[in-house]
Amino acid sequence: MSVGRLVAVAVFVVIAALYVGPVQKYLQVRRDLSVQRTEVSRLEREHGRLVRLERSLHTRATIVWYARRCGWVFPGETPIVVQGIGGSHCE
């Protein structure tokens, strides 16, 4: 090989070596971005579910349902306790 070709090959190898690091970093950032987008999507779904739950907790029907589940009664009602069918489901 001639000296010119050796220099050209050496320059090519150096340039290729300089590109390896940034290319690896770029590929890693793309993988990280994909993971982060998946996480954002999951969190958006969870947020929507929590917003719907929060809205439902402000309705009279839901409040009464939770109160009944905890064994509460309205004024004037007669509480009846049935034993042997399980404990309180109050959270």
C-alpha atoms as a PDB file:
ATOM      1  CA  MET A   1       0.000   0.000   0.000  1.00  0.00           C
ATOM      2  CA  SER A   2       1.105   3.492  -0.651  1.00  0.00           C
ATOM      3  CA  VAL A   3       1.611   6.051   2.071  1.00  0.00           C
ATOM      4  CA  GLY A   4      -1.334   8.078   0.758  1.00  0.00           C
ATOM      5  CA  ARG A   5      -3.668   5.100   1.089  1.00  0.00           C
ATOM      6  CA  LEU A   6      -2.417   4.364   4.600  1.00  0.00           C
ATOM      7  CA  VAL A   7      -3.041   7.973   5.613  1.00  0.00           C
ATOM      8  CA  ALA A   8      -6.508   7.862   4.034  1.00  0.00           C
ATOM      9  CA  VAL A   9      -7.365   4.617   5.849  1.00  0.00           C
ATOM     10  CA  ALA A  10      -6.009   6.034   9.125  1.00  0.00           C
ATOM     11  CA  VAL A  11      -8.079   9.220   8.695  1.00  0.00           C
ATOM     12  CA  PHE A  12     -11.150   7.134   7.894  1.00  0.00           C
ATOM     13  CA  VAL A  13     -10.621   4.978  10.991  1.00  0.00           C
ATOM     14  CA  VAL A  14     -10.180   8.064  13.201  1.00  0.00           C
ATOM     15  CA  ILE A  15     -13.317   9.696  11.783  1.00  0.00           C
ATOM     16  CA  ALA A  16     -15.301   6.460  12.208  1.00  0.00           C
ATOM     17  CA  ALA A  17     -14.048   6.160  15.804  1.00  0.00           C
ATOM     18  CA  LEU A  18     -15.144   9.727  16.501  1.00  0.00           C
ATOM     19  CA  TYR A  19     -18.689   8.861  15.344  1.00  0.00           C
ATOM     20  CA  VAL A  20     -19.059   5.733  17.503  1.00  0.00           C
ATOM     21  CA  GLY A  21     -19.599   7.564  20.800  1.00  0.00           C
ATOM     22  CA  PRO A  22     -22.214  10.035  19.557  1.00  0.00           C
ATOM     23  CA  VAL A  23     -24.066   7.319  17.627  1.00  0.00           C
ATOM     24  CA  GLN A  24     -24.182   5.101  20.712  1.00  0.00           C
ATOM     25  CA  LYS A  25     -25.406   8.046  22.790  1.00  0.00           C
ATOM     26  CA  TYR A  26     -28.093   8.826  20.183  1.00  0.00           C
ATOM     27  CA  LEU A  27     -29.328   5.241  20.183  1.00  0.00           C
ATOM     28  CA  GLN A  28     -29.411   5.195  24.001  1.00  0.00           C
ATOM     29  CA  VAL A  29     -31.384   8.443  24.073  1.00  0.00           C
ATOM     30  CA  ARG A  30     -33.895   6.972  21.604  1.00  0.00           C
ATOM     31  CA  ARG A  31     -34.357   3.910  23.826  1.00  0.00           C
ATOM     32  CA  ASP A  32     -34.756   6.108  26.888  1.00  0.00           C
ATOM     33  CA  LEU A  33     -37.260   8.295  25.057  1.00  0.00           C
ATOM     34  CA  SER A  34     -39.329   5.260  24.132  1.00  0.00           C
ATOM     35  CA  VAL A  35     -39.361   4.091  27.746  1.00  0.00           C
ATOM     36  CA  GLN A  36     -40.307   7.569  28.959  1.00  0.00           C
ATOM     37  CA  ARG A  37     -43.137   7.873  26.417  1.00  0.00           C
ATOM     38  CA  THR A  38     -44.518   4.532  27.583  1.00  0.00           C
ATOM     39  CA  GLU A  39     -44.363   5.735  31.190  1.00  0.00           C
ATOM     40  CA  VAL A  40     -46.077   9.027  30.306  1.00  0.00           C
ATOM     41  CA  SER A  41     -48.840   7.122  28.533  1.00  0.00           C
ATOM     42  CA  ARG A  42     -49.337   4.879  31.578  1.00  0.00           C
ATOM     43  CA  LEU A  43     -49.384   7.868  33.915  1.00  0.00           C
ATOM     44  CA  GLU A  44     -51.919   9.698  31.725  1.00  0.00           C
ATOM     45  CA  ARG A  45     -54.237   6.670  31.887  1.00  0.00           C
ATOM     46  CA  GLU A  46     -53.770   6.469  35.654  1.00  0.00           C
ATOM     47  CA  HIS A  47     -54.465  10.195  35.983  1.00  0.00           C
ATOM     48  CA  GLY A  48     -57.684   9.828  33.997  1.00  0.00           C
ATOM     49  CA  ARG A  49     -58.778   6.954  36.214  1.00  0.00           C
ATOM     50  CA  LEU A  50     -58.034   8.963  39.359  1.00  0.00           C
ATOM     51  CA  VAL A  51     -59.877  12.033  38.039  1.00  0.00           C
ATOM     52  CA  ARG A  52     -62.950   9.891  37.323  1.00  0.00           C
ATOM     53  CA  LEU A  53     -62.719   8.354  40.798  1.00  0.00           C
ATOM     54  CA  GLU A  54     -62.371  11.783  42.392  1.00  0.00           C
ATOM     55  CA  ARG A  55     -65.442  13.043  40.524  1.00  0.00           C
ATOM     56  CA  SER A  56     -67.464  10.007  41.547  1.00  0.00           C
ATOM     57  CA  LEU A  57     -66.567  10.570  45.204  1.00  0.00           C
ATOM     58  CA  HIS A  58     -68.465  13.869  45.131  1.00  0.00           C
ATOM     59  CA  THR A  59     -71.783  12.298  44.133  1.00  0.00           C
ATOM     60  CA  ARG A  60     -74.380  11.607  46.794  1.00  0.00           C
ATOM     61  CA  ALA A  61     -74.811   8.022  45.610  1.00  0.00           C
ATOM     62  CA  THR A  62     -71.126   7.224  46.108  1.00  0.00           C
ATOM     63  CA  ILE A  63     -71.007   8.915  49.501  1.00  0.00           C
ATOM     64  CA  VAL A  64     -74.039   6.910  50.641  1.00  0.00           C
ATOM     65  CA  TRP A  65     -72.546   3.693  49.214  1.00  0.00           C
ATOM     66  CA  TYR A  66     -69.299   4.161  51.181  1.00  0.00           C
ATOM     67  CA  ALA A  67     -71.211   5.126  54.323  1.00  0.00           C
ATOM     68  CA  ARG A  68     -73.401   2.023  54.089  1.00  0.00           C
ATOM     69  CA  ARG A  69     -70.333  -0.099  53.466  1.00  0.00           C
ATOM     70  CA  CYS A  70     -68.884   1.208  56.728  1.00  0.00           C
ATOM     71  CA  GLY A  71     -72.097   0.419  58.566  1.00  0.00           C
ATOM     72  CA  TRP A  72     -73.376   3.958  58.946  1.00  0.00           C
ATOM     73  CA  VAL A  73     -77.088   4.675  59.024  1.00  0.00           C
ATOM     74  CA  PHE A  74     -79.108   7.823  58.448  1.00  0.00           C
ATOM     75  CA  PRO A  75     -80.822   9.525  61.391  1.00  0.00           C
ATOM     76  CA  GLY A  76     -84.116   7.816  62.089  1.00  0.00           C
ATOM     77  CA  GLU A  77     -83.036   4.465  60.599  1.00  0.00           C
ATOM     78  CA  THR A  78     -82.763   1.378  62.756  1.00  0.00           C
ATOM     79  CA  PRO A  79     -79.405  -0.368  62.417  1.00  0.00           C
ATOM     80  CA  ILE A  80     -79.573  -4.146  62.157  1.00  0.00           C
ATOM     81  CA  VAL A  81     -76.437  -6.183  62.795  1.00  0.00           C
ATOM     82  CA  VAL A  82     -76.226  -9.631  61.254  1.00  0.00           C
ATOM     83  CA  GLN A  83     -73.411 -11.645  62.732  1.00  0.00           C
ATOM     84  CA  GLY A  84     -71.428 -14.358  61.025  1.00  0.00           C
ATOM     85  CA  ILE A  85     -71.434 -12.942  57.473  1.00  0.00           C
ATOM     86  CA  GLY A  86     -68.090 -11.174  57.446  1.00  0.00           C
ATOM     87  CA  GLY A  87     -66.500  -8.074  58.835  1.00  0.00           C
ATOM     88  CA  SER A  88     -66.682  -4.414  57.952  1.00  0.00           C
ATOM     89  CA  HIS A  89     -65.536  -3.387  54.501  1.00  0.00           C
ATOM     90  CA  CYS A  90     -64.839   0.155  55.609  1.00  0.00           C
ATOM     91  CA  GLU A  91     -61.606   1.521  54.144  1.00  0.00           C
END
